């Protein structure tokens, strides 16, 4: 099963899932319910990953993953959990 996103209505500056397909288990892993997904932005940046679960579970995981990436990207590329540099001033 191959699912491809051919939507042209999404914002090109945002990441989106462009492909999701059933695949064999990665080396050393068990089970026959593995999927590989591709997330893309501007047709240039690709993130490819594998996830085990039902088709609906994997779709939901990828949707949440994409939303998280886009929220960090919209925040200047910083994670909300990332520590910031302190502005060190000389002691007086």
C-alpha atoms as a PDB file:
ATOM      1  CA  UNK A   1       0.000   0.000   0.000  1.00  0.00           C
ATOM      2  CA  UNK A   2       1.373   3.383  -1.022  1.00  0.00           C
ATOM      3  CA  UNK A   3      -0.140   6.684   0.025  1.00  0.00           C
ATOM      4  CA  UNK A   4       1.205   9.790  -1.667  1.00  0.00           C
ATOM      5  CA  UNK A   5       0.231  13.368  -0.964  1.00  0.00           C
ATOM      6  CA  UNK A   6      -0.341  15.211  -4.200  1.00  0.00           C
ATOM      7  CA  UNK A   7      -2.034  18.207  -2.600  1.00  0.00           C
ATOM      8  CA  UNK A   8      -0.948  21.507  -4.085  1.00  0.00           C
ATOM      9  CA  UNK A   9      -2.950  23.559  -1.580  1.00  0.00           C
ATOM     10  CA  UNK A  10      -0.496  23.245   1.303  1.00  0.00           C
ATOM     11  CA  UNK A  11       2.014  25.940   2.170  1.00  0.00           C
ATOM     12  CA  UNK A  12       5.329  25.194   0.411  1.00  0.00           C
ATOM     13  CA  UNK A  13       7.293  26.522   3.379  1.00  0.00           C
ATOM     14  CA  UNK A  14       5.762  23.921   5.694  1.00  0.00           C
ATOM     15  CA  UNK A  15       6.722  20.301   6.121  1.00  0.00           C
ATOM     16  CA  UNK A  16       4.199  17.716   4.991  1.00  0.00           C
ATOM     17  CA  UNK A  17       3.958  13.957   4.656  1.00  0.00           C
ATOM     18  CA  UNK A  18       4.381  13.090   0.992  1.00  0.00           C
ATOM     19  CA  UNK A  19       4.614   9.309   1.147  1.00  0.00           C
ATOM     20  CA  UNK A  20       3.559   6.473   3.450  1.00  0.00           C
ATOM     21  CA  UNK A  21       3.913   2.843   2.476  1.00  0.00           C
ATOM     22  CA  UNK A  22       4.018  -0.603   4.037  1.00  0.00           C
ATOM     23  CA  UNK A  23       7.527  -2.009   4.302  1.00  0.00           C
ATOM     24  CA  UNK A  24       9.452  -4.942   5.708  1.00  0.00           C
ATOM     25  CA  UNK A  25      10.674  -4.782   9.291  1.00  0.00           C
ATOM     26  CA  UNK A  26      14.065  -3.103   9.748  1.00  0.00           C
ATOM     27  CA  UNK A  27      17.024  -5.411  10.414  1.00  0.00           C
ATOM     28  CA  UNK A  28      16.721  -6.937  13.868  1.00  0.00           C
ATOM     29  CA  UNK A  29      13.084  -5.865  14.326  1.00  0.00           C
ATOM     30  CA  UNK A  30      10.082  -8.148  14.473  1.00  0.00           C
ATOM     31  CA  UNK A  31       6.598  -7.872  13.103  1.00  0.00           C
ATOM     32  CA  UNK A  32       4.970  -7.402   9.755  1.00  0.00           C
ATOM     33  CA  UNK A  33       3.205  -4.123  10.458  1.00  0.00           C
ATOM     34  CA  UNK A  34       5.912  -1.610   9.552  1.00  0.00           C
ATOM     35  CA  UNK A  35       5.534   1.511   7.445  1.00  0.00           C
ATOM     36  CA  UNK A  36       8.052   3.906   5.978  1.00  0.00           C
ATOM     37  CA  UNK A  37       7.154   7.572   5.648  1.00  0.00           C
ATOM     38  CA  UNK A  38       8.645  10.580   3.896  1.00  0.00           C
ATOM     39  CA  UNK A  39       8.200  14.147   5.125  1.00  0.00           C
ATOM     40  CA  UNK A  40       9.167  16.931   2.778  1.00  0.00           C
ATOM     41  CA  UNK A  41       9.453  20.709   2.626  1.00  0.00           C
ATOM     42  CA  UNK A  42       9.851  22.652  -0.630  1.00  0.00           C
ATOM     43  CA  UNK A  43      10.650  19.374  -2.417  1.00  0.00           C
ATOM     44  CA  UNK A  44      14.180  19.741  -1.013  1.00  0.00           C
ATOM     45  CA  UNK A  45      14.280  18.609   2.600  1.00  0.00           C
ATOM     46  CA  UNK A  46      13.366  14.971   3.149  1.00  0.00           C
ATOM     47  CA  UNK A  47      12.912  13.154   6.423  1.00  0.00           C
ATOM     48  CA  UNK A  48      12.465   9.411   6.008  1.00  0.00           C
ATOM     49  CA  UNK A  49      11.534   7.152   8.888  1.00  0.00           C
ATOM     50  CA  UNK A  50      10.018   3.824   9.835  1.00  0.00           C
ATOM     51  CA  UNK A  51       7.229   3.221  12.324  1.00  0.00           C
ATOM     52  CA  UNK A  52       5.488   0.099  13.527  1.00  0.00           C
ATOM     53  CA  UNK A  53       1.702   0.009  13.979  1.00  0.00           C
ATOM     54  CA  UNK A  54      -1.538  -0.002  12.082  1.00  0.00           C
ATOM     55  CA  UNK A  55      -1.911   2.310   9.117  1.00  0.00           C
ATOM     56  CA  UNK A  56      -4.064   4.679  11.174  1.00  0.00           C
ATOM     57  CA  UNK A  57      -1.603   4.694  14.110  1.00  0.00           C
ATOM     58  CA  UNK A  58       1.313   5.512  11.833  1.00  0.00           C
ATOM     59  CA  UNK A  59      -0.661   8.222   9.996  1.00  0.00           C
ATOM     60  CA  UNK A  60      -1.536   9.848  13.331  1.00  0.00           C
ATOM     61  CA  UNK A  61       2.091   9.651  14.492  1.00  0.00           C
ATOM     62  CA  UNK A  62       3.336  11.296  11.292  1.00  0.00           C
ATOM     63  CA  UNK A  63       0.632  14.009  11.480  1.00  0.00           C
ATOM     64  CA  UNK A  64       1.737  14.873  15.036  1.00  0.00           C
ATOM     65  CA  UNK A  65       5.406  14.745  14.024  1.00  0.00           C
ATOM     66  CA  UNK A  66       4.788  17.117  11.099  1.00  0.00           C
ATOM     67  CA  UNK A  67       2.796  19.500  13.316  1.00  0.00           C
ATOM     68  CA  UNK A  68       5.669  19.536  15.832  1.00  0.00           C
ATOM     69  CA  UNK A  69       8.278  20.215  13.149  1.00  0.00           C
ATOM     70  CA  UNK A  70       6.162  23.009  11.672  1.00  0.00           C
ATOM     71  CA  UNK A  71       5.577  24.617  15.064  1.00  0.00           C
ATOM     72  CA  UNK A  72       9.331  24.638  15.750  1.00  0.00           C
ATOM     73  CA  UNK A  73      10.030  25.889  12.234  1.00  0.00           C
ATOM     74  CA  UNK A  74       7.533  28.724  12.750  1.00  0.00           C
ATOM     75  CA  UNK A  75       9.319  29.572  15.999  1.00  0.00           C
ATOM     76  CA  UNK A  76      12.537  30.410  14.179  1.00  0.00           C
ATOM     77  CA  UNK A  77      13.629  26.787  14.143  1.00  0.00           C
ATOM     78  CA  UNK A  78      14.053  26.544  17.906  1.00  0.00           C
ATOM     79  CA  UNK A  79      12.508  23.958  20.132  1.00  0.00           C
ATOM     80  CA  UNK A  80      10.510  25.407  22.983  1.00  0.00           C
ATOM     81  CA  UNK A  81      12.566  23.154  25.263  1.00  0.00           C
ATOM     82  CA  UNK A  82      15.959  24.327  24.035  1.00  0.00           C
ATOM     83  CA  UNK A  83      18.017  26.367  26.466  1.00  0.00           C
ATOM     84  CA  UNK A  84      18.864  29.850  25.317  1.00  0.00           C
ATOM     85  CA  UNK A  85      22.206  31.586  25.563  1.00  0.00           C
ATOM     86  CA  UNK A  86      22.447  33.831  28.578  1.00  0.00           C
ATOM     87  CA  UNK A  87      23.593  37.350  27.956  1.00  0.00           C
ATOM     88  CA  UNK A  88      26.644  37.422  30.237  1.00  0.00           C
ATOM     89  CA  UNK A  89      27.646  40.816  31.509  1.00  0.00           C
ATOM     90  CA  UNK A  90      30.845  41.640  33.340  1.00  0.00           C
ATOM     91  CA  UNK A  91      30.407  41.841  37.104  1.00  0.00           C
ATOM     92  CA  UNK A  92      30.741  45.354  38.481  1.00  0.00           C
END
